[in-house]
Structures are given as structure tokens and as C-alpha cells.
PDB file of N, CA and C in Angstrom:
ATOM      1  N   MET A   1      95.881  56.828-134.375  1.00  0.00           N
ATOM      2  CA  MET A   1      96.522  56.528-135.619  1.00  0.00           C
ATOM      3  C   MET A   1      97.310  57.734-136.088  1.00  0.00           C
ATOM      4  N   ALA A   2      98.545  57.544-136.145  1.00  0.00           N
ATOM      5  CA  ALA A   2      99.421  58.643-136.544  1.00  0.00           C
ATOM      6  C   ALA A   2     100.214  58.236-137.760  1.00  0.00           C
ATOM      7  N   ASP A   3     100.767  59.261-138.401  1.00  0.00           N
ATOM      8  CA  ASP A   3     101.626  58.938-139.529  1.00  0.00           C
ATOM      9  C   ASP A   3     103.028  58.631-139.016  1.00  0.00           C
ATOM     10  N   GLY A   4     104.037  58.850-139.809  1.00  0.00           N
ATOM     11  CA  GLY A   4     105.405  58.453-139.512  1.00  0.00           C
ATOM     12  C   GLY A   4     105.969  58.905-138.171  1.00  0.00           C
ATOM     13  N   ASN A   5     105.617  60.105-137.681  1.00  0.00           N
ATOM     14  CA  ASN A   5     106.262  60.559-136.457  1.00  0.00           C
ATOM     15  C   ASN A   5     105.537  60.116-135.187  1.00  0.00           C
ATOM     16  N   GLY A   6     104.309  59.642-135.313  1.00  0.00           N
ATOM     17  CA  GLY A   6     103.596  59.096-134.172  1.00  0.00           C
ATOM     18  C   GLY A   6     103.031  60.128-133.212  1.00  0.00           C
ATOM     19  N   LYS A   7     103.034  61.409-133.566  1.00  0.00           N
ATOM     20  CA  LYS A   7     102.512  62.445-132.678  1.00  0.00           C
ATOM     21  C   LYS A   7     101.205  62.981-133.223  1.00  0.00           C
ATOM     22  N   ARG A   8     100.267  63.164-132.334  1.00  0.00           N
ATOM     23  CA  ARG A   8      98.983  63.721-132.718  1.00  0.00           C
ATOM     24  C   ARG A   8      98.642  64.866-131.791  1.00  0.00           C
ATOM     25  N   SER A   9      97.900  65.835-132.322  1.00  0.00           N
ATOM     26  CA  SER A   9      97.446  66.939-131.492  1.00  0.00           C
ATOM     27  C   SER A   9      96.220  66.487-130.711  1.00  0.00           C
ATOM     28  N   LYS A  10      95.720  67.353-129.839  1.00  0.00           N
ATOM     29  CA  LYS A  10      94.562  67.010-129.027  1.00  0.00           C
ATOM     30  C   LYS A  10      93.319  66.743-129.868  1.00  0.00           C
ATOM     31  N   ARG A  11      93.239  67.360-131.025  1.00  0.00           N
ATOM     32  CA  ARG A  11      92.064  67.195-131.877  1.00  0.00           C
ATOM     33  C   ARG A  11      92.194  66.010-132.828  1.00  0.00           C
ATOM     34  N   GLY A  12      93.273  65.279-132.704  1.00  0.00           N
ATOM     35  CA  GLY A  12      93.417  64.086-133.507  1.00  0.00           C
ATOM     36  C   GLY A  12      94.137  64.307-134.823  1.00  0.00           C
ATOM     37  N   ARG A  13      94.551  65.543-135.088  1.00  0.00           N
ATOM     38  CA  ARG A  13      95.270  65.807-136.328  1.00  0.00           C
ATOM     39  C   ARG A  13      96.760  65.638-136.096  1.00  0.00           C
ATOM     40  N   THR A  14      97.431  65.246-137.117  1.00  0.00           N
ATOM     41  CA  THR A  14      98.878  65.084-137.021  1.00  0.00           C
ATOM     42  C   THR A  14      99.538  66.451-137.117  1.00  0.00           C
ATOM     43  N   ARG A  15     100.475  66.703-136.222  1.00  0.00           N
ATOM     44  CA  ARG A  15     101.195  67.976-136.252  1.00  0.00           C
ATOM     45  C   ARG A  15     102.384  67.848-137.186  1.00  0.00           C
ATOM     46  N   SER A  16     102.558  68.862-138.028  1.00  0.00           N
ATOM     47  CA  SER A  16     103.677  68.793-138.957  1.00  0.00           C
ATOM     48  C   SER A  16     104.613  69.984-138.833  1.00  0.00           C
ATOM     49  N   SER A  17     104.353  70.881-137.897  1.00  0.00           N
ATOM     50  CA  SER A  17     105.228  72.041-137.760  1.00  0.00           C
ATOM     51  C   SER A  17     106.534  71.648-137.088  1.00  0.00           C
ATOM     52  N   SER A  18     107.479  72.576-137.127  1.00  0.00           N
ATOM     53  CA  SER A  18     108.776  72.291-136.514  1.00  0.00           C
ATOM     54  C   SER A  18     108.641  72.112-135.001  1.00  0.00           C
ATOM     55  N   ALA A  19     107.620  72.750-134.402  1.00  0.00           N
ATOM     56  CA  ALA A  19     107.417  72.601-132.960  1.00  0.00           C
ATOM     57  C   ALA A  19     107.068  71.161-132.610  1.00  0.00           C
ATOM     58  N   ALA A  20     106.358  70.477-133.502  1.00  0.00           N
ATOM     59  CA  ALA A  20     105.977  69.093-133.250  1.00  0.00           C
ATOM     60  C   ALA A  20     107.192  68.180-133.248  1.00  0.00           C
ATOM     61  N   HIS A  21     108.212  68.561-133.985  1.00  0.00           N
ATOM     62  CA  HIS A  21     109.407  67.744-134.066  1.00  0.00           C
ATOM     63  C   HIS A  21     110.456  68.140-133.037  1.00  0.00           C
ATOM     64  N   GLY A  22     110.133  69.157-132.239  1.00  0.00           N
ATOM     65  CA  GLY A  22     111.046  69.566-131.191  1.00  0.00           C
ATOM     66  C   GLY A  22     112.216  70.406-131.677  1.00  0.00           C
ATOM     67  N   THR A  23     112.139  70.899-132.907  1.00  0.00           N
ATOM     68  CA  THR A  23     113.225  71.731-133.403  1.00  0.00           C
ATOM     69  C   THR A  23     112.874  73.198-133.181  1.00  0.00           C
ATOM     70  N   PRO A  24     113.794  73.957-132.616  1.00  0.00           N
ATOM     71  CA  PRO A  24     113.511  75.374-132.393  1.00  0.00           C
ATOM     72  C   PRO A  24     113.546  76.145-133.702  1.00  0.00           C
ATOM     73  N   ARG A  25     112.882  77.296-133.704  1.00  0.00           N
ATOM     74  CA  ARG A  25     112.911  78.138-134.887  1.00  0.00           C
ATOM     75  C   ARG A  25     114.295  78.747-135.024  1.00  0.00           C
ATOM     76  N   ARG A  26     114.740  78.936-136.243  1.00  0.00           N
ATOM     77  CA  ARG A  26     116.064  79.513-136.474  1.00  0.00           C
ATOM     78  C   ARG A  26     116.115  80.929-135.940  1.00  0.00           C
ATOM     79  N   ALA A  27     117.250  81.310-135.392  1.00  0.00           N
ATOM     80  CA  ALA A  27     117.434  82.674-134.907  1.00  0.00           C
ATOM     81  C   ALA A  27     117.399  83.625-136.086  1.00  0.00           C
ATOM     82  N   GLY A  28     116.768  84.758-135.881  1.00  0.00           N
ATOM     83  CA  GLY A  28     116.735  85.759-136.931  1.00  0.00           C
ATOM     84  C   GLY A  28     115.564  85.632-137.883  1.00  0.00           C
ATOM     85  N   THR A  29     114.752  84.599-137.738  1.00  0.00           N
ATOM     86  CA  THR A  29     113.594  84.495-138.622  1.00  0.00           C
ATOM     87  C   THR A  29     112.514  85.429-138.112  1.00  0.00           C
ATOM     88  N   SER A  30     111.805  85.998-139.005  1.00  0.00           N
ATOM     89  CA  SER A  30     110.823  87.011-138.658  1.00  0.00           C
ATOM     90  C   SER A  30     109.426  86.408-138.602  1.00  0.00           C
ATOM     91  N   THR A  31     108.584  87.021-137.779  1.00  0.00           N
ATOM     92  CA  THR A  31     107.187  86.614-137.742  1.00  0.00           C
ATOM     93  C   THR A  31     106.336  87.589-138.535  1.00  0.00           C
ATOM     94  N   THR A  32     106.974  88.491-139.292  1.00  0.00           N
ATOM     95  CA  THR A  32     106.254  89.449-140.116  1.00  0.00           C
ATOM     96  C   THR A  32     105.514  88.696-141.216  1.00  0.00           C
ATOM     97  N   ARG A  33     104.268  89.032-141.386  1.00  0.00           N
ATOM     98  CA  ARG A  33     103.481  88.372-142.426  1.00  0.00           C
ATOM     99  C   ARG A  33     103.890  88.909-143.785  1.00  0.00           C
ATOM    100  N   ARG A  34     103.809  88.067-144.764  1.00  0.00           N
ATOM    101  CA  ARG A  34     104.121  88.487-146.126  1.00  0.00           C
ATOM    102  C   ARG A  34     102.842  88.488-146.952  1.00  0.00           C
ATOM    103  N   SER A  35     102.690  89.538-147.710  1.00  0.00           N
ATOM    104  CA  SER A  35     101.545  89.615-148.613  1.00  0.00           C
ATOM    105  C   SER A  35     102.023  89.265-150.016  1.00  0.00           C
ATOM    106  N   ALA A  36     101.137  89.324-150.981  1.00  0.00           N
ATOM    107  CA  ALA A  36     101.502  88.979-152.353  1.00  0.00           C
ATOM    108  C   ALA A  36     102.563  89.930-152.905  1.00  0.00           C
ATOM    109  N   ARG A  37     102.589  91.179-152.410  1.00  0.00           N
ATOM    110  CA  ARG A  37     103.542  92.152-152.924  1.00  0.00           C
ATOM    111  C   ARG A  37     104.707  92.399-151.980  1.00  0.00           C
ATOM    112  N   GLY A  38     104.914  91.583-150.987  1.00  0.00           N
ATOM    113  CA  GLY A  38     106.046  91.765-150.087  1.00  0.00           C
ATOM    114  C   GLY A  38     105.626  91.749-148.634  1.00  0.00           C
ATOM    115  N   ILE A  39     106.402  92.411-147.812  1.00  0.00           N
ATOM    116  CA  ILE A  39     106.145  92.404-146.377  1.00  0.00           C
ATOM    117  C   ILE A  39     104.923  93.256-146.057  1.00  0.00           C
ATOM    118  N   ASN A  40     104.087  92.769-145.172  1.00  0.00           N
ATOM    119  CA  ASN A  40     102.893  93.476-144.741  1.00  0.00           C
ATOM    120  C   ASN A  40     103.279  94.412-143.606  1.00  0.00           C
ATOM    121  N   ARG A  41     103.394  95.689-143.875  1.00  0.00           N
ATOM    122  CA  ARG A  41     103.833  96.667-142.883  1.00  0.00           C
ATOM    123  C   ARG A  41     102.621  97.277-142.196  1.00  0.00           C
ATOM    124  N   TRP A  42     102.089  96.583-141.219  1.00  0.00           N
ATOM    125  CA  TRP A  42     100.856  97.025-140.585  1.00  0.00           C
ATOM    126  C   TRP A  42     101.045  98.330-139.833  1.00  0.00           C
ATOM    127  N   SER A  43     102.222  98.565-139.254  1.00  0.00           N
ATOM    128  CA  SER A  43     102.396  99.799-138.495  1.00  0.00           C
ATOM    129  C   SER A  43     102.399 101.007-139.425  1.00  0.00           C
ATOM    130  N   HIS A  44     102.909 100.854-140.641  1.00  0.00           N
ATOM    131  CA  HIS A  44     102.858 101.935-141.618  1.00  0.00           C
ATOM    132  C   HIS A  44     101.402 102.240-141.976  1.00  0.00           C
ATOM    133  N   ARG A  45     100.619 101.189-142.137  1.00  0.00           N
ATOM    134  CA  ARG A  45      99.204 101.368-142.455  1.00  0.00           C
ATOM    135  C   ARG A  45      98.472 102.079-141.317  1.00  0.00           C
ATOM    136  N   VAL A  46      98.831 101.769-140.078  1.00  0.00           N
ATOM    137  CA  VAL A  46      98.215 102.432-138.932  1.00  0.00           C
ATOM    138  C   VAL A  46      98.521 103.922-138.971  1.00  0.00           C
ATOM    139  N   MET A  47      99.777 104.279-139.257  1.00  0.00           N
ATOM    140  CA  MET A  47     100.153 105.691-139.311  1.00  0.00           C
ATOM    141  C   MET A  47      99.392 106.425-140.411  1.00  0.00           C
ATOM    142  N   GLN A  48      99.104 105.754-141.518  1.00  0.00           N
ATOM    143  CA  GLN A  48      98.426 106.391-142.635  1.00  0.00           C
ATOM    144  C   GLN A  48      96.917 106.485-142.429  1.00  0.00           C
ATOM    145  N   THR A  49      96.319 105.470-141.814  1.00  0.00           N
ATOM    146  CA  THR A  49      94.856 105.397-141.784  1.00  0.00           C
ATOM    147  C   THR A  49      94.259 105.492-140.392  1.00  0.00           C
ATOM    148  N   SER A  50      95.075 105.748-139.398  1.00  0.00           N
ATOM    149  CA  SER A  50      94.589 105.786-138.028  1.00  0.00           C
ATOM    150  C   SER A  50      93.523 106.856-137.830  1.00  0.00           C
ATOM    151  N   ASP A  51      92.579 106.575-136.962  1.00  0.00           N
ATOM    152  CA  ASP A  51      91.573 107.575-136.628  1.00  0.00           C
ATOM    153  C   ASP A  51      92.105 108.583-135.620  1.00  0.00           C
ATOM    154  N   ALA A  52      93.326 108.419-135.173  1.00  0.00           N
ATOM    155  CA  ALA A  52      93.885 109.347-134.200  1.00  0.00           C
ATOM    156  C   ALA A  52      94.169 110.699-134.842  1.00  0.00           C
ATOM    157  N   LEU A  53      94.868 110.718-135.964  1.00  0.00           N
ATOM    158  CA  LEU A  53      95.279 111.978-136.592  1.00  0.00           C
ATOM    159  C   LEU A  53      95.475 111.831-138.086  1.00  0.00           C
ATOM    160  N   ASP A  54      95.415 112.953-138.775  1.00  0.00           N
ATOM    161  CA  ASP A  54      95.879 113.062-140.158  1.00  0.00           C
ATOM    162  C   ASP A  54      97.222 113.764-140.063  1.00  0.00           C
ATOM    163  N   LEU A  55      98.314 113.007-140.160  1.00  0.00           N
ATOM    164  CA  LEU A  55      99.649 113.561-139.933  1.00  0.00           C
ATOM    165  C   LEU A  55     100.210 114.281-141.150  1.00  0.00           C
ATOM    166  N   GLU A  56     101.001 115.297-140.872  1.00  0.00           N
ATOM    167  CA  GLU A  56     101.760 115.989-141.913  1.00  0.00           C
ATOM    168  C   GLU A  56     102.867 115.050-142.379  1.00  0.00           C
ATOM    169  N   ARG A  57     103.184 115.056-143.650  1.00  0.00           N
ATOM    170  CA  ARG A  57     104.228 114.186-144.193  1.00  0.00           C
ATOM    171  C   ARG A  57     105.577 114.554-143.576  1.00  0.00           C
ATOM    172  N   GLY A  58     106.309 113.556-143.107  1.00  0.00           N
ATOM    173  CA  GLY A  58     107.649 113.769-142.558  1.00  0.00           C
ATOM    174  C   GLY A  58     107.700 114.391-141.178  1.00  0.00           C
ATOM    175  N   VAL A  59     106.606 114.320-140.450  1.00  0.00           N
ATOM    176  CA  VAL A  59     106.561 114.977-139.138  1.00  0.00           C
ATOM    177  C   VAL A  59     107.634 114.447-138.185  1.00  0.00           C
ATOM    178  N   PHE A  60     107.911 113.161-138.215  1.00  0.00           N
ATOM    179  CA  PHE A  60     108.865 112.592-137.261  1.00  0.00           C
ATOM    180  C   PHE A  60     110.314 112.704-137.726  1.00  0.00           C
ATOM    181  N   THR A  61     110.527 113.282-138.897  1.00  0.00           N
ATOM    182  CA  THR A  61     111.893 113.485-139.368  1.00  0.00           C
ATOM    183  C   THR A  61     112.332 114.938-139.216  1.00  0.00           C
ATOM    184  N   LYS A  62     111.478 115.774-138.674  1.00  0.00           N
ATOM    185  CA  LYS A  62     111.851 117.178-138.461  1.00  0.00           C
ATOM    186  C   LYS A  62     113.018 117.250-137.489  1.00  0.00           C
ATOM    187  N   ARG A  63     113.788 118.324-137.583  1.00  0.00           N
ATOM    188  CA  ARG A  63     115.033 118.417-136.827  1.00  0.00           C
ATOM    189  C   ARG A  63     114.862 118.775-135.358  1.00  0.00           C
ATOM    190  N   THR A  64     113.946 119.677-135.048  1.00  0.00           N
ATOM    191  CA  THR A  64     113.847 120.136-133.654  1.00  0.00           C
ATOM    192  C   THR A  64     112.600 119.583-132.982  1.00  0.00           C
ATOM    193  N   PRO A  65     112.674 119.381-131.676  1.00  0.00           N
ATOM    194  CA  PRO A  65     111.504 118.914-130.928  1.00  0.00           C
ATOM    195  C   PRO A  65     110.325 119.874-131.047  1.00  0.00           C
ATOM    196  N   ARG A  66     110.613 121.170-131.115  1.00  0.00           N
ATOM    197  CA  ARG A  66     109.543 122.172-131.225  1.00  0.00           C
ATOM    198  C   ARG A  66     108.788 122.013-132.546  1.00  0.00           C
ATOM    199  N   GLN A  67     109.506 121.793-133.641  1.00  0.00           N
ATOM    200  CA  GLN A  67     108.851 121.608-134.942  1.00  0.00           C
ATOM    201  C   GLN A  67     107.949 120.381-134.923  1.00  0.00           C
ATOM    202  N   ILE A  68     108.431 119.308-134.310  1.00  0.00           N
ATOM    203  CA  ILE A  68     107.636 118.072-134.229  1.00  0.00           C
ATOM    204  C   ILE A  68     106.383 118.317-133.406  1.00  0.00           C
ATOM    205  N   ALA A  69     106.551 118.960-132.243  1.00  0.00           N
ATOM    206  CA  ALA A  69     105.419 119.203-131.347  1.00  0.00           C
ATOM    207  C   ALA A  69     104.379 120.108-131.997  1.00  0.00           C
ATOM    208  N   LEU A  70     104.822 121.171-132.662  1.00  0.00           N
ATOM    209  CA  LEU A  70     103.871 122.086-133.297  1.00  0.00           C
ATOM    210  C   LEU A  70     103.136 121.422-134.458  1.00  0.00           C
ATOM    211  N   SER A  71     103.842 120.577-135.199  1.00  0.00           N
ATOM    212  CA  SER A  71     103.198 119.856-136.290  1.00  0.00           C
ATOM    213  C   SER A  71     102.140 118.889-135.758  1.00  0.00           C
ATOM    214  N   LEU A  72     102.487 118.159-134.688  1.00  0.00           N
ATOM    215  CA  LEU A  72     101.520 117.233-134.089  1.00  0.00           C
ATOM    216  C   LEU A  72     100.316 117.984-133.533  1.00  0.00           C
ATOM    217  N   LYS A  73     100.566 119.124-132.914  1.00  0.00           N
ATOM    218  CA  LYS A  73      99.462 119.921-132.367  1.00  0.00           C
ATOM    219  C   LYS A  73      98.544 120.386-133.485  1.00  0.00           C
ATOM    220  N   ARG A  74      99.141 120.906-134.554  1.00  0.00           N
ATOM    221  CA  ARG A  74      98.356 121.377-135.695  1.00  0.00           C
ATOM    222  C   ARG A  74      97.518 120.238-136.283  1.00  0.00           C
ATOM    223  N   SER A  75      98.141 119.076-136.451  1.00  0.00           N
ATOM    224  CA  SER A  75      97.427 117.925-137.012  1.00  0.00           C
ATOM    225  C   SER A  75      96.289 117.475-136.097  1.00  0.00           C
ATOM    226  N   ALA A  76      96.557 117.454-134.803  1.00  0.00           N
ATOM    227  CA  ALA A  76      95.550 116.993-133.845  1.00  0.00           C
ATOM    228  C   ALA A  76      94.355 117.939-133.794  1.00  0.00           C
ATOM    229  N   GLU A  77      94.625 119.225-133.869  1.00  0.00           N
ATOM    230  CA  GLU A  77      93.524 120.185-133.793  1.00  0.00           C
ATOM    231  C   GLU A  77      92.713 120.246-135.073  1.00  0.00           C
ATOM    232  N   ARG A  78      93.334 119.963-136.213  1.00  0.00           N
ATOM    233  CA  ARG A  78      92.634 120.005-137.495  1.00  0.00           C
ATOM    234  C   ARG A  78      91.900 118.711-137.827  1.00  0.00           C
ATOM    235  N   SER A  79      92.345 117.600-137.245  1.00  0.00           N
ATOM    236  CA  SER A  79      91.797 116.297-137.599  1.00  0.00           C
ATOM    237  C   SER A  79      90.328 116.181-137.212  1.00  0.00           C
ATOM    238  N   ARG A  80      89.555 115.653-138.134  1.00  0.00           N
ATOM    239  CA  ARG A  80      88.133 115.393-137.867  1.00  0.00           C
ATOM    240  C   ARG A  80      87.908 113.915-137.564  1.00  0.00           C
ATOM    241  N   ARG A  81      88.954 113.111-137.668  1.00  0.00           N
ATOM    242  CA  ARG A  81      88.812 111.665-137.461  1.00  0.00           C
ATOM    243  C   ARG A  81      89.189 111.223-136.064  1.00  0.00           C
ATOM    244  N   ARG A  82      89.795 112.100-135.289  1.00  0.00           N
ATOM    245  CA  ARG A  82      90.254 111.660-133.964  1.00  0.00           C
ATOM    246  C   ARG A  82      89.066 111.415-133.050  1.00  0.00           C
ATOM    247  N   LYS A  83      89.274 110.490-132.125  1.00  0.00           N
ATOM    248  CA  LYS A  83      88.197 110.106-131.206  1.00  0.00           C
ATOM    249  C   LYS A  83      88.442 110.634-129.810  1.00  0.00           C
ATOM    250  N   SER A  84      89.592 111.241-129.590  1.00  0.00           N
ATOM    251  CA  SER A  84      89.982 111.683-128.265  1.00  0.00           C
ATOM    252  C   SER A  84      90.353 113.158-128.315  1.00  0.00           C
ATOM    253  N   ALA A  85      90.792 113.692-127.181  1.00  0.00           N
ATOM    254  CA  ALA A  85      91.234 115.085-127.107  1.00  0.00           C
ATOM    255  C   ALA A  85      92.489 115.269-127.964  1.00  0.00           C
ATOM    256  N   PRO A  86      92.719 116.468-128.487  1.00  0.00           N
ATOM    257  CA  PRO A  86      93.880 116.694-129.351  1.00  0.00           C
ATOM    258  C   PRO A  86      95.216 116.331-128.698  1.00  0.00           C
ATOM    259  N   PHE A  87      95.422 116.718-127.443  1.00  0.00           N
ATOM    260  CA  PHE A  87      96.688 116.402-126.773  1.00  0.00           C
ATOM    261  C   PHE A  87      96.897 114.894-126.697  1.00  0.00           C
ATOM    262  N   ARG A  88      95.857 114.193-126.311  1.00  0.00           N
ATOM    263  CA  ARG A  88      95.957 112.745-126.153  1.00  0.00           C
ATOM    264  C   ARG A  88      96.254 112.055-127.484  1.00  0.00           C
ATOM    265  N   SER A  89      95.610 112.511-128.550  1.00  0.00           N
ATOM    266  CA  SER A  89      95.845 111.924-129.870  1.00  0.00           C
ATOM    267  C   SER A  89      97.271 112.180-130.344  1.00  0.00           C
ATOM    268  N   ALA A  90      97.757 113.401-130.139  1.00  0.00           N
ATOM    269  CA  ALA A  90      99.103 113.756-130.574  1.00  0.00           C
ATOM    270  C   ALA A  90     100.153 112.952-129.814  1.00  0.00           C
ATOM    271  N   MET A  91     100.002 112.870-128.502  1.00  0.00           N
ATOM    272  CA  MET A  91     100.962 112.121-127.685  1.00  0.00           C
ATOM    273  C   MET A  91     100.905 110.635-128.028  1.00  0.00           C
ATOM    274  N   SER A  92      99.724 110.137-128.293  1.00  0.00           N
ATOM    275  CA  SER A  92      99.557 108.737-128.649  1.00  0.00           C
ATOM    276  C   SER A  92     100.304 108.408-129.941  1.00  0.00           C
ATOM    277  N   MET A  93     100.190 109.263-130.930  1.00  0.00           N
ATOM    278  CA  MET A  93     100.858 109.006-132.204  1.00  0.00           C
ATOM    279  C   MET A  93     102.380 109.104-132.054  1.00  0.00           C
ATOM    280  N   LEU A  94     102.858 110.031-131.244  1.00  0.00           N
ATOM    281  CA  LEU A  94     104.299 110.150-131.000  1.00  0.00           C
ATOM    282  C   LEU A  94     104.822 108.903-130.285  1.00  0.00           C
ATOM    283  N   ASN A  95     104.114 108.444-129.278  1.00  0.00           N
ATOM    284  CA  ASN A  95     104.513 107.219-128.572  1.00  0.00           C
ATOM    285  C   ASN A  95     104.459 106.007-129.492  1.00  0.00           C
ATOM    286  N   PHE A  96     103.440 105.923-130.316  1.00  0.00           N
ATOM    287  CA  PHE A  96     103.330 104.806-131.254  1.00  0.00           C
ATOM    288  C   PHE A  96     104.540 104.763-132.180  1.00  0.00           C
ATOM    289  N   HIS A  97     104.908 105.928-132.703  1.00  0.00           N
ATOM    290  CA  HIS A  97     106.068 105.989-133.600  1.00  0.00           C
ATOM    291  C   HIS A  97     107.340 105.542-132.877  1.00  0.00           C
ATOM    292  N   MET A  98     107.545 106.019-131.659  1.00  0.00           N
ATOM    293  CA  MET A  98     108.752 105.659-130.911  1.00  0.00           C
ATOM    294  C   MET A  98     108.777 104.170-130.572  1.00  0.00           C
ATOM    295  N   ASN A  99     107.644 103.628-130.182  1.00  0.00           N
ATOM    296  CA  ASN A  99     107.585 102.211-129.821  1.00  0.00           C
ATOM    297  C   ASN A  99     107.807 101.307-131.031  1.00  0.00           C
ATOM    298  N   ARG A 100     107.243 101.675-132.171  1.00  0.00           N
ATOM    299  CA  ARG A 100     107.406 100.843-133.357  1.00  0.00           C
ATOM    300  C   ARG A 100     108.813 100.944-133.933  1.00  0.00           C
ATOM    301  N   ALA A 101     109.448 102.106-133.794  1.00  0.00           N
ATOM    302  CA  ALA A 101     110.815 102.266-134.309  1.00  0.00           C
ATOM    303  C   ALA A 101     111.794 101.457-133.468  1.00  0.00           C
ATOM    304  N   GLY A 102     111.544 101.372-132.175  1.00  0.00           N
ATOM    305  CA  GLY A 102     112.335 100.532-131.283  1.00  0.00           C
ATOM    306  C   GLY A 102     113.825 100.744-131.364  1.00  0.00           C
ATOM    307  N   ARG A 103     114.565  99.677-131.593  1.00  0.00           N
ATOM    308  CA  ARG A 103     116.020  99.732-131.618  1.00  0.00           C
ATOM    309  C   ARG A 103     116.560 100.429-132.852  1.00  0.00           C
ATOM    310  N   ASN A 104     115.709 100.635-133.847  1.00  0.00           N
ATOM    311  CA  ASN A 104     116.165 101.284-135.069  1.00  0.00           C
ATOM    312  C   ASN A 104     116.373 102.785-134.915  1.00  0.00           C
ATOM    313  N   LEU A 105     115.902 103.353-133.803  1.00  0.00           N
ATOM    314  CA  LEU A 105     116.119 104.773-133.555  1.00  0.00           C
ATOM    315  C   LEU A 105     117.533 104.992-133.042  1.00  0.00           C
ATOM    316  N   SER A 106     118.211 105.960-133.619  1.00  0.00           N
ATOM    317  CA  SER A 106     119.541 106.298-133.107  1.00  0.00           C
ATOM    318  C   SER A 106     119.367 107.013-131.771  1.00  0.00           C
ATOM    319  N   PRO A 107     120.397 107.025-130.944  1.00  0.00           N
ATOM    320  CA  PRO A 107     120.291 107.737-129.658  1.00  0.00           C
ATOM    321  C   PRO A 107     119.943 109.216-129.846  1.00  0.00           C
ATOM    322  N   GLU A 108     120.478 109.820-130.885  1.00  0.00           N
ATOM    323  CA  GLU A 108     120.187 111.231-131.164  1.00  0.00           C
ATOM    324  C   GLU A 108     118.714 111.428-131.516  1.00  0.00           C
ATOM    325  N   ARG A 109     118.166 110.552-132.364  1.00  0.00           N
ATOM    326  CA  ARG A 109     116.760 110.655-132.764  1.00  0.00           C
ATOM    327  C   ARG A 109     115.846 110.412-131.571  1.00  0.00           C
ATOM    328  N   ARG A 110     116.195 109.430-130.735  1.00  0.00           N
ATOM    329  CA  ARG A 110     115.397 109.145-129.550  1.00  0.00           C
ATOM    330  C   ARG A 110     115.374 110.358-128.614  1.00  0.00           C
ATOM    331  N   ARG A 111     116.527 111.019-128.470  1.00  0.00           N
ATOM    332  CA  ARG A 111     116.609 112.211-127.619  1.00  0.00           C
ATOM    333  C   ARG A 111     115.698 113.309-128.155  1.00  0.00           C
ATOM    334  N   VAL A 112     115.731 113.529-129.481  1.00  0.00           N
ATOM    335  CA  VAL A 112     114.883 114.560-130.091  1.00  0.00           C
ATOM    336  C   VAL A 112     113.404 114.232-129.876  1.00  0.00           C
ATOM    337  N   LEU A 113     113.030 112.965-130.051  1.00  0.00           N
ATOM    338  CA  LEU A 113     111.619 112.586-129.879  1.00  0.00           C
ATOM    339  C   LEU A 113     111.192 112.658-128.418  1.00  0.00           C
ATOM    340  N   ASP A 114     112.084 112.313-127.494  1.00  0.00           N
ATOM    341  CA  ASP A 114     111.763 112.456-126.074  1.00  0.00           C
ATOM    342  C   ASP A 114     111.563 113.933-125.715  1.00  0.00           C
ATOM    343  N   GLU A 115     112.406 114.785-126.266  1.00  0.00           N
ATOM    344  CA  GLU A 115     112.243 116.218-126.025  1.00  0.00           C
ATOM    345  C   GLU A 115     110.970 116.738-126.681  1.00  0.00           C
ATOM    346  N   ALA A 116     110.578 116.127-127.796  1.00  0.00           N
ATOM    347  CA  ALA A 116     109.331 116.516-128.460  1.00  0.00           C
ATOM    348  C   ALA A 116     108.130 116.214-127.562  1.00  0.00           C
ATOM    349  N   LYS A 117     108.222 115.149-126.771  1.00  0.00           N
ATOM    350  CA  LYS A 117     107.146 114.849-125.813  1.00  0.00           C
ATOM    351  C   LYS A 117     107.002 115.979-124.799  1.00  0.00           C
ATOM    352  N   GLU A 118     108.142 116.415-124.269  1.00  0.00           N
ATOM    353  CA  GLU A 118     108.113 117.518-123.300  1.00  0.00           C
ATOM    354  C   GLU A 118     107.567 118.784-123.955  1.00  0.00           C
ATOM    355  N   GLU A 119     108.005 119.053-125.159  1.00  0.00           N
ATOM    356  CA  GLU A 119     107.550 120.243-125.883  1.00  0.00           C
ATOM    357  C   GLU A 119     106.056 120.151-126.181  1.00  0.00           C
ATOM    358  N   LEU A 120     105.579 118.971-126.498  1.00  0.00           N
ATOM    359  CA  LEU A 120     104.154 118.770-126.754  1.00  0.00           C
ATOM    360  C   LEU A 120     103.340 119.091-125.505  1.00  0.00           C
ATOM    361  N   ARG A 121     103.847 118.677-124.355  1.00  0.00           N
ATOM    362  CA  ARG A 121     103.161 119.017-123.095  1.00  0.00           C
ATOM    363  C   ARG A 121     103.122 120.532-122.903  1.00  0.00           C
ATOM    364  N   ARG A 122     104.224 121.201-123.245  1.00  0.00           N
ATOM    365  CA  ARG A 122     104.279 122.665-123.087  1.00  0.00           C
ATOM    366  C   ARG A 122     103.286 123.363-124.014  1.00  0.00           C
ATOM    367  N   VAL A 123     103.265 122.972-125.298  1.00  0.00           N
ATOM    368  CA  VAL A 123     102.395 123.684-126.241  1.00  0.00           C
ATOM    369  C   VAL A 123     100.915 123.421-125.977  1.00  0.00           C
ATOM    370  N   PHE A 124     100.609 122.321-125.324  1.00  0.00           N
ATOM    371  CA  PHE A 124      99.223 122.035-124.950  1.00  0.00           C
ATOM    372  C   PHE A 124      98.920 122.464-123.507  1.00  0.00           C
ATOM    373  N   HIS A 125      99.902 123.030-122.833  1.00  0.00           N
ATOM    374  CA  HIS A 125      99.761 123.487-121.437  1.00  0.00           C
ATOM    375  C   HIS A 125      99.397 122.350-120.490  1.00  0.00           C
ATOM    376  N   HIS A 126     100.093 121.217-120.645  1.00  0.00           N
ATOM    377  CA  HIS A 126      99.914 120.053-119.768  1.00  0.00           C
ATOM    378  C   HIS A 126     101.205 119.783-119.015  1.00  0.00           C
ATOM    379  N   GLU A 127     101.752 120.772-118.382  1.00  0.00           N
ATOM    380  CA  GLU A 127     103.072 120.608-117.760  1.00  0.00           C
ATOM    381  C   GLU A 127     102.989 119.909-116.444  1.00  0.00           C
TER     382      GLU A 127
END
């Protein structure tokens, strides 16, 4: 027994989503969840509350790769919340930032952050 469209799911409930009607989702629509106060920025929350590190404010906006690497090293060594070795935590947070920024990173910023990875290896003696 179905309602007007005659389609039922495996559990016997009528499907009412756009997928049930065979219509594709509009291009450009986001799957970002919305909270009562706006967009739920989970990656921002991860950066603030992660057990990996207590980051210095603005660490990823510093101008030189060396400044970024030294800041990450300092944060990793001082953090009492990290669960891993300091080098691993620092590199993890840098990779997380780069992956979440994705296409929004300019080529210049991506180059600086890639060089910061190399510099991080140098300051931790993991060459």
C-alpha cells in the first residue's frame, strides 16, 4: 500500500526524498549540516579542541615555512593533550589543515605549507 507515487522502501515506508522521485540533487547544494546558529563547522571545532595539539593562534597564516614549523614544534612539545609523539602530532595537524582547506588554498599558500612540512621534518630531525 503506497501513497500517490506508488513507491515503497524495503521496510514498507513510503519514500519522499528527491531520490525516490528520480530527481538529482541540484548542483552546488552543500551537505554541510546547519545548526540553530548557522553552519556547523566541524573542522574548525577539531582544530580548537583536538587532542593532538594546543595550537598557537594564527599558526597557519604565518609568512615563512620556518615560522610555521617552529610554532607547530613548540605547540607539540608543550601540549599535554596529545596522544602521539610531538613530530607526529605536528605533522598531523598541518596535513589536516591542508586537506580541509582544499581548493581554497592559493598556490602560494600551498607552496608555503608544503615547505613547512619539509621544515618540520628538519626541526624534528626526521629528514
